Amino acid sequence: MADHSFVVQAIRLALRQTAGFQVVGFFDGRGSVRNALTELKPDVVLVDDMQETENALERLREIAEYAPQAKSLMLTLQMESDWLEQAFDAGAQAVVSKTVHPVSLGTLLREISHGNVVHRFEKRPAQITEEDCPLTDRELEILQLVAEGHTNGRIARELWVTEQTVKFHLSNTYRKLGVANRTEASRYAHLHNLTAPRERLAS
């Protein structure tokens, strides 16, 4: 669901590069989609945050009410904790930054469809700084790349290490942060202000 055609085209491109998905429809998120939800019964719904964010929140509420079997993912540039809390309260199972690479978006959608996300959002009142972070410099660097939506393979190429090394550092990161997967780790990084401005990886 989106309110601009170029967003729809970007999503369409991302899904074309990922096997295993059948796109059942694209809809203008500025109006109610309850009829489409009850008729199509989607497994996963991707919702753009749109120019009017209340539209996006209302669409998430409709998904929760009229397609409770569906997993909903919010695509947004806003990663502030207050906005995340609103999105999860409205029914989102996951929130992903719009800076995510198209291939990574497909991977995240597959994880969500398999239930590999945490449905409960816990607002954390305290933020930590990089100085207080329990991670090593390398673990923090990899976490920041994960929070940008990059795959293990792309991270390995960026850092000139093996993919197995990336997995090893992520395993330690999950343990130290008390999270179960990269979706939770990414959310943790955004909520605790551990993300850092970086040049995006080359395509």
C-alpha atoms as a PDB file:
ATOM      1  CA  MET A   1       0.000   0.000   0.000  1.00  0.00           C
ATOM      2  CA  ALA A   2       1.424   3.371  -1.007  1.00  0.00           C
ATOM      3  CA  ASP A   3       0.344   6.818  -2.161  1.00  0.00           C
ATOM      4  CA  HIS A   4       2.847   7.359  -4.977  1.00  0.00           C
ATOM      5  CA  SER A   5       3.464   5.303  -8.103  1.00  0.00           C
ATOM      6  CA  PHE A   6       7.268   5.467  -7.786  1.00  0.00           C
ATOM      7  CA  VAL A   7       7.052   3.790  -4.376  1.00  0.00           C
ATOM      8  CA  VAL A   8       4.938   1.043  -5.912  1.00  0.00           C
ATOM      9  CA  GLN A   9       7.477   0.582  -8.706  1.00  0.00           C
ATOM     10  CA  ALA A  10      10.344   0.346  -6.202  1.00  0.00           C
ATOM     11  CA  ILE A  11       8.493  -2.323  -4.241  1.00  0.00           C
ATOM     12  CA  ARG A  12       7.631  -4.193  -7.424  1.00  0.00           C
ATOM     13  CA  LEU A  13      11.330  -4.178  -8.413  1.00  0.00           C
ATOM     14  CA  ALA A  14      12.342  -5.511  -5.006  1.00  0.00           C
ATOM     15  CA  LEU A  15       9.910  -8.420  -5.190  1.00  0.00           C
ATOM     16  CA  ARG A  16      10.898  -9.287  -8.754  1.00  0.00           C
ATOM     17  CA  GLN A  17      14.391 -10.005  -7.445  1.00  0.00           C
ATOM     18  CA  THR A  18      13.091 -12.350  -4.757  1.00  0.00           C
ATOM     19  CA  ALA A  19      11.657 -15.771  -5.527  1.00  0.00           C
ATOM     20  CA  GLY A  20       8.716 -17.229  -3.649  1.00  0.00           C
ATOM     21  CA  PHE A  21       6.303 -14.291  -3.617  1.00  0.00           C
ATOM     22  CA  GLN A  22       3.054 -13.856  -5.503  1.00  0.00           C
ATOM     23  CA  VAL A  23       1.955 -10.229  -5.618  1.00  0.00           C
ATOM     24  CA  VAL A  24      -1.830 -10.149  -5.312  1.00  0.00           C
ATOM     25  CA  GLY A  25      -2.276  -6.398  -5.584  1.00  0.00           C
ATOM     26  CA  PHE A  26      -1.094  -2.831  -5.088  1.00  0.00           C
ATOM     27  CA  PHE A  27      -3.425  -0.316  -3.466  1.00  0.00           C
ATOM     28  CA  ASP A  28      -3.546   3.407  -2.814  1.00  0.00           C
ATOM     29  CA  GLY A  29      -3.111   3.635   0.932  1.00  0.00           C
ATOM     30  CA  ARG A  30      -4.900   6.963   1.206  1.00  0.00           C
ATOM     31  CA  GLY A  31      -8.281   5.231   1.300  1.00  0.00           C
ATOM     32  CA  SER A  32      -9.801   2.225   3.013  1.00  0.00           C
ATOM     33  CA  VAL A  33      -8.696  -1.180   1.725  1.00  0.00           C
ATOM     34  CA  ARG A  34     -10.892  -3.343   3.938  1.00  0.00           C
ATOM     35  CA  ASN A  35     -12.735  -4.904   0.969  1.00  0.00           C
ATOM     36  CA  ALA A  36      -9.483  -5.859  -0.741  1.00  0.00           C
ATOM     37  CA  LEU A  37      -8.130  -7.357   2.481  1.00  0.00           C
ATOM     38  CA  THR A  38     -11.157  -9.569   3.062  1.00  0.00           C
ATOM     39  CA  GLU A  39     -11.274 -10.661  -0.585  1.00  0.00           C
ATOM     40  CA  LEU A  40      -7.572 -11.325  -1.217  1.00  0.00           C
ATOM     41  CA  LYS A  41      -6.603 -12.654   2.246  1.00  0.00           C
ATOM     42  CA  PRO A  42      -2.891 -11.764   1.896  1.00  0.00           C
ATOM     43  CA  ASP A  43      -0.156 -13.453   3.912  1.00  0.00           C
ATOM     44  CA  VAL A  44       2.059 -10.351   4.066  1.00  0.00           C
ATOM     45  CA  VAL A  45       1.173  -6.679   3.554  1.00  0.00           C
ATOM     46  CA  LEU A  46       3.829  -4.017   2.963  1.00  0.00           C
ATOM     47  CA  VAL A  47       2.669  -0.528   3.964  1.00  0.00           C
ATOM     48  CA  ASP A  48       4.496   2.651   2.926  1.00  0.00           C
ATOM     49  CA  ASP A  49       4.400   5.371   5.602  1.00  0.00           C
ATOM     50  CA  MET A  50       3.136   7.861   2.970  1.00  0.00           C
ATOM     51  CA  GLN A  51       3.080  11.649   3.208  1.00  0.00           C
ATOM     52  CA  GLU A  52       0.159  11.544   5.637  1.00  0.00           C
ATOM     53  CA  THR A  53       1.384   9.131   8.284  1.00  0.00           C
ATOM     54  CA  GLU A  54      -2.064   8.784   9.844  1.00  0.00           C
ATOM     55  CA  ASN A  55      -3.149   7.073   6.615  1.00  0.00           C
ATOM     56  CA  ALA A  56      -0.454   4.469   7.126  1.00  0.00           C
ATOM     57  CA  LEU A  57      -1.468   3.892  10.740  1.00  0.00           C
ATOM     58  CA  GLU A  58      -5.109   3.524   9.728  1.00  0.00           C
ATOM     59  CA  ARG A  59      -4.162   0.957   7.065  1.00  0.00           C
ATOM     60  CA  LEU A  60      -2.240  -1.018   9.700  1.00  0.00           C
ATOM     61  CA  ARG A  61      -5.320  -1.011  11.926  1.00  0.00           C
ATOM     62  CA  GLU A  62      -7.437  -2.249   9.016  1.00  0.00           C
ATOM     63  CA  ILE A  63      -5.000  -5.080   8.358  1.00  0.00           C
ATOM     64  CA  ALA A  64      -5.179  -6.138  12.008  1.00  0.00           C
ATOM     65  CA  GLU A  65      -8.985  -6.081  11.933  1.00  0.00           C
ATOM     66  CA  TYR A  66      -9.879  -7.381   8.465  1.00  0.00           C
ATOM     67  CA  ALA A  67      -6.885  -9.607   7.669  1.00  0.00           C
ATOM     68  CA  PRO A  68      -5.668 -10.853  11.050  1.00  0.00           C
ATOM     69  CA  GLN A  69      -3.833 -13.727   9.369  1.00  0.00           C
ATOM     70  CA  ALA A  70      -1.578 -11.273   7.499  1.00  0.00           C
ATOM     71  CA  LYS A  71       1.832 -10.098   8.649  1.00  0.00           C
ATOM     72  CA  SER A  72       2.241  -6.337   8.187  1.00  0.00           C
ATOM     73  CA  LEU A  73       5.494  -4.494   7.540  1.00  0.00           C
ATOM     74  CA  MET A  74       5.871  -0.707   7.618  1.00  0.00           C
ATOM     75  CA  LEU A  75       8.337   0.889   5.187  1.00  0.00           C
ATOM     76  CA  THR A  76       9.488   4.279   6.495  1.00  0.00           C
ATOM     77  CA  LEU A  77      12.254   6.860   6.757  1.00  0.00           C
ATOM     78  CA  GLN A  78      11.199   7.693  10.315  1.00  0.00           C
ATOM     79  CA  MET A  79      12.957   5.521  12.875  1.00  0.00           C
ATOM     80  CA  GLU A  80      12.312   7.599  16.001  1.00  0.00           C
ATOM     81  CA  SER A  81      11.079   5.585  18.976  1.00  0.00           C
ATOM     82  CA  ASP A  82       7.772   7.500  19.251  1.00  0.00           C
ATOM     83  CA  TRP A  83       6.896   6.742  15.623  1.00  0.00           C
ATOM     84  CA  LEU A  84       7.947   3.107  15.999  1.00  0.00           C
ATOM     85  CA  GLU A  85       5.714   2.783  19.041  1.00  0.00           C
ATOM     86  CA  GLN A  86       2.748   4.166  17.084  1.00  0.00           C
ATOM     87  CA  ALA A  87       3.389   1.778  14.196  1.00  0.00           C
ATOM     88  CA  PHE A  88       3.608  -1.285  16.428  1.00  0.00           C
ATOM     89  CA  ASP A  89       0.574  -0.200  18.448  1.00  0.00           C
ATOM     90  CA  ALA A  90      -1.347   0.062  15.160  1.00  0.00           C
ATOM     91  CA  GLY A  91      -0.467  -3.528  14.317  1.00  0.00           C
ATOM     92  CA  ALA A  92       2.857  -3.577  12.454  1.00  0.00           C
ATOM     93  CA  GLN A  93       4.905  -6.737  12.958  1.00  0.00           C
ATOM     94  CA  ALA A  94       8.064  -5.036  11.692  1.00  0.00           C
ATOM     95  CA  VAL A  95       9.305  -1.620  10.608  1.00  0.00           C
ATOM     96  CA  VAL A  96      11.986  -1.313   7.926  1.00  0.00           C
ATOM     97  CA  SER A  97      13.914   1.739   6.755  1.00  0.00           C
ATOM     98  CA  LYS A  98      13.350   2.876   3.173  1.00  0.00           C
ATOM     99  CA  THR A  99      17.132   2.815   2.735  1.00  0.00           C
ATOM    100  CA  VAL A 100      17.002  -0.984   2.702  1.00  0.00           C
ATOM    101  CA  HIS A 101      18.463  -2.620  -0.407  1.00  0.00           C
ATOM    102  CA  PRO A 102      15.758  -4.178  -2.664  1.00  0.00           C
ATOM    103  CA  VAL A 103      17.192  -7.684  -2.270  1.00  0.00           C
ATOM    104  CA  SER A 104      17.283  -7.275   1.509  1.00  0.00           C
ATOM    105  CA  LEU A 105      13.647  -6.170   1.499  1.00  0.00           C
ATOM    106  CA  GLY A 106      12.666  -9.469  -0.078  1.00  0.00           C
ATOM    107  CA  THR A 107      14.665 -11.341   2.552  1.00  0.00           C
ATOM    108  CA  LEU A 108      12.952  -9.422   5.354  1.00  0.00           C
ATOM    109  CA  LEU A 109       9.527 -10.120   3.882  1.00  0.00           C
ATOM    110  CA  ARG A 110      10.329 -13.825   3.835  1.00  0.00           C
ATOM    111  CA  GLU A 111      11.436 -13.710   7.490  1.00  0.00           C
ATOM    112  CA  ILE A 112       8.213 -11.966   8.432  1.00  0.00           C
ATOM    113  CA  SER A 113       6.097 -14.449   6.491  1.00  0.00           C
ATOM    114  CA  HIS A 114       7.796 -17.247   8.451  1.00  0.00           C
ATOM    115  CA  GLY A 115       7.031 -15.527  11.742  1.00  0.00           C
ATOM    116  CA  ASN A 116      10.657 -14.636  12.501  1.00  0.00           C
ATOM    117  CA  VAL A 117       9.828 -11.320  14.144  1.00  0.00           C
ATOM    118  CA  VAL A 118       8.793 -10.161  17.573  1.00  0.00           C
ATOM    119  CA  HIS A 119       5.207  -8.899  17.674  1.00  0.00           C
ATOM    120  CA  ARG A 120       5.499  -7.026  20.952  1.00  0.00           C
ATOM    121  CA  PHE A 121       7.081  -3.572  20.928  1.00  0.00           C
ATOM    122  CA  GLU A 122       8.734  -2.567  24.174  1.00  0.00           C
ATOM    123  CA  LYS A 123       9.515   1.086  24.546  1.00  0.00           C
ATOM    124  CA  ARG A 124      12.926   1.533  26.137  1.00  0.00           C
ATOM    125  CA  PRO A 125      13.110   4.792  28.081  1.00  0.00           C
ATOM    126  CA  ALA A 126      16.884   4.927  28.287  1.00  0.00           C
ATOM    127  CA  GLN A 127      19.233   5.221  25.361  1.00  0.00           C
ATOM    128  CA  ILE A 128      22.852   4.161  25.402  1.00  0.00           C
ATOM    129  CA  THR A 129      25.797   5.707  23.647  1.00  0.00           C
ATOM    130  CA  GLU A 130      28.451   3.944  21.626  1.00  0.00           C
ATOM    131  CA  GLU A 131      30.807   4.381  24.597  1.00  0.00           C
ATOM    132  CA  ASP A 132      28.399   2.446  26.842  1.00  0.00           C
ATOM    133  CA  CYS A 133      27.599  -0.194  24.231  1.00  0.00           C
ATOM    134  CA  PRO A 134      28.671  -3.746  25.200  1.00  0.00           C
ATOM    135  CA  LEU A 135      29.693  -4.527  21.612  1.00  0.00           C
ATOM    136  CA  THR A 136      33.177  -4.466  20.153  1.00  0.00           C
ATOM    137  CA  ASP A 137      33.935  -1.925  17.434  1.00  0.00           C
ATOM    138  CA  ARG A 138      33.552  -4.598  14.748  1.00  0.00           C
ATOM    139  CA  GLU A 139      30.273  -5.895  16.200  1.00  0.00           C
ATOM    140  CA  LEU A 140      28.910  -2.353  16.338  1.00  0.00           C
ATOM    141  CA  GLU A 141      29.992  -1.698  12.755  1.00  0.00           C
ATOM    142  CA  ILE A 142      28.187  -4.833  11.576  1.00  0.00           C
ATOM    143  CA  LEU A 143      25.102  -3.967  13.646  1.00  0.00           C
ATOM    144  CA  GLN A 144      24.933  -0.556  11.979  1.00  0.00           C
ATOM    145  CA  LEU A 145      25.073  -2.179   8.545  1.00  0.00           C
ATOM    146  CA  VAL A 146      22.357  -4.647   9.563  1.00  0.00           C
ATOM    147  CA  ALA A 147      20.224  -1.706  10.731  1.00  0.00           C
ATOM    148  CA  GLU A 148      20.597  -0.231   7.234  1.00  0.00           C
ATOM    149  CA  GLY A 149      19.083  -3.414   5.823  1.00  0.00           C
ATOM    150  CA  HIS A 150      22.162  -5.015   4.252  1.00  0.00           C
ATOM    151  CA  THR A 151      22.559  -8.776   3.895  1.00  0.00           C
ATOM    152  CA  ASN A 152      25.413 -10.757   5.422  1.00  0.00           C
ATOM    153  CA  GLY A 153      26.968 -11.183   1.992  1.00  0.00           C
ATOM    154  CA  ARG A 154      27.012  -7.446   1.286  1.00  0.00           C
ATOM    155  CA  ILE A 155      28.374  -6.704   4.744  1.00  0.00           C
ATOM    156  CA  ALA A 156      31.160  -9.238   4.216  1.00  0.00           C
ATOM    157  CA  ARG A 157      32.143  -7.613   0.921  1.00  0.00           C
ATOM    158  CA  GLU A 158      32.068  -4.135   2.443  1.00  0.00           C
ATOM    159  CA  LEU A 159      34.286  -5.106   5.379  1.00  0.00           C
ATOM    160  CA  TRP A 160      36.559  -7.497   3.458  1.00  0.00           C
ATOM    161  CA  VAL A 161      35.758 -10.455   5.709  1.00  0.00           C
ATOM    162  CA  THR A 162      34.078 -13.800   5.128  1.00  0.00           C
ATOM    163  CA  GLU A 163      30.329 -14.223   5.475  1.00  0.00           C
ATOM    164  CA  GLN A 164      30.999 -16.764   8.230  1.00  0.00           C
ATOM    165  CA  THR A 165      32.867 -14.059  10.161  1.00  0.00           C
ATOM    166  CA  VAL A 166      29.855 -11.764   9.861  1.00  0.00           C
ATOM    167  CA  LYS A 167      27.591 -14.534  11.175  1.00  0.00           C
ATOM    168  CA  PHE A 168      29.983 -15.123  14.086  1.00  0.00           C
ATOM    169  CA  HIS A 169      29.931 -11.444  15.077  1.00  0.00           C
ATOM    170  CA  LEU A 170      26.139 -11.303  14.731  1.00  0.00           C
ATOM    171  CA  SER A 171      25.761 -14.327  16.983  1.00  0.00           C
ATOM    172  CA  ASN A 172      27.809 -12.564  19.664  1.00  0.00           C
ATOM    173  CA  THR A 173      25.840  -9.360  19.107  1.00  0.00           C
ATOM    174  CA  TYR A 174      22.475 -11.106  19.556  1.00  0.00           C
ATOM    175  CA  ARG A 175      23.707 -12.687  22.786  1.00  0.00           C
ATOM    176  CA  LYS A 176      25.065  -9.423  24.219  1.00  0.00           C
ATOM    177  CA  LEU A 177      21.957  -7.410  23.323  1.00  0.00           C
ATOM    178  CA  GLY A 178      19.487 -10.102  24.360  1.00  0.00           C
ATOM    179  CA  VAL A 179      17.825 -10.298  20.944  1.00  0.00           C
ATOM    180  CA  ALA A 180      16.953 -13.298  18.777  1.00  0.00           C
ATOM    181  CA  ASN A 181      17.499 -12.189  15.177  1.00  0.00           C
ATOM    182  CA  ARG A 182      18.597  -9.371  12.855  1.00  0.00           C
ATOM    183  CA  THR A 183      15.134  -7.755  12.878  1.00  0.00           C
ATOM    184  CA  GLU A 184      15.262  -7.340  16.655  1.00  0.00           C
ATOM    185  CA  ALA A 185      18.906  -6.258  16.502  1.00  0.00           C
ATOM    186  CA  SER A 186      18.092  -3.593  13.922  1.00  0.00           C
ATOM    187  CA  ARG A 187      15.215  -2.314  16.042  1.00  0.00           C
ATOM    188  CA  TYR A 188      17.503  -2.232  19.097  1.00  0.00           C
ATOM    189  CA  ALA A 189      20.081  -0.186  17.191  1.00  0.00           C
ATOM    190  CA  HIS A 190      17.510   2.397  16.119  1.00  0.00           C
ATOM    191  CA  LEU A 191      15.856   2.660  19.530  1.00  0.00           C
ATOM    192  CA  HIS A 192      19.185   3.061  21.332  1.00  0.00           C
ATOM    193  CA  ASN A 193      20.654   5.547  18.879  1.00  0.00           C
ATOM    194  CA  LEU A 194      23.428   3.173  17.816  1.00  0.00           C
ATOM    195  CA  THR A 195      23.036   3.826  14.112  1.00  0.00           C
ATOM    196  CA  ALA A 196      25.594   6.091  12.474  1.00  0.00           C
ATOM    197  CA  PRO A 197      25.551   8.154   9.266  1.00  0.00           C
ATOM    198  CA  ARG A 198      27.299   6.136   6.578  1.00  0.00           C
ATOM    199  CA  GLU A 199      27.681   6.227   2.844  1.00  0.00           C
ATOM    200  CA  ARG A 200      25.383   3.601   1.400  1.00  0.00           C
ATOM    201  CA  LEU A 201      26.954   0.516  -0.087  1.00  0.00           C
ATOM    202  CA  ALA A 202      27.376   0.534  -3.827  1.00  0.00           C
ATOM    203  CA  SER A 203      24.852  -1.533  -5.721  1.00  0.00           C
END
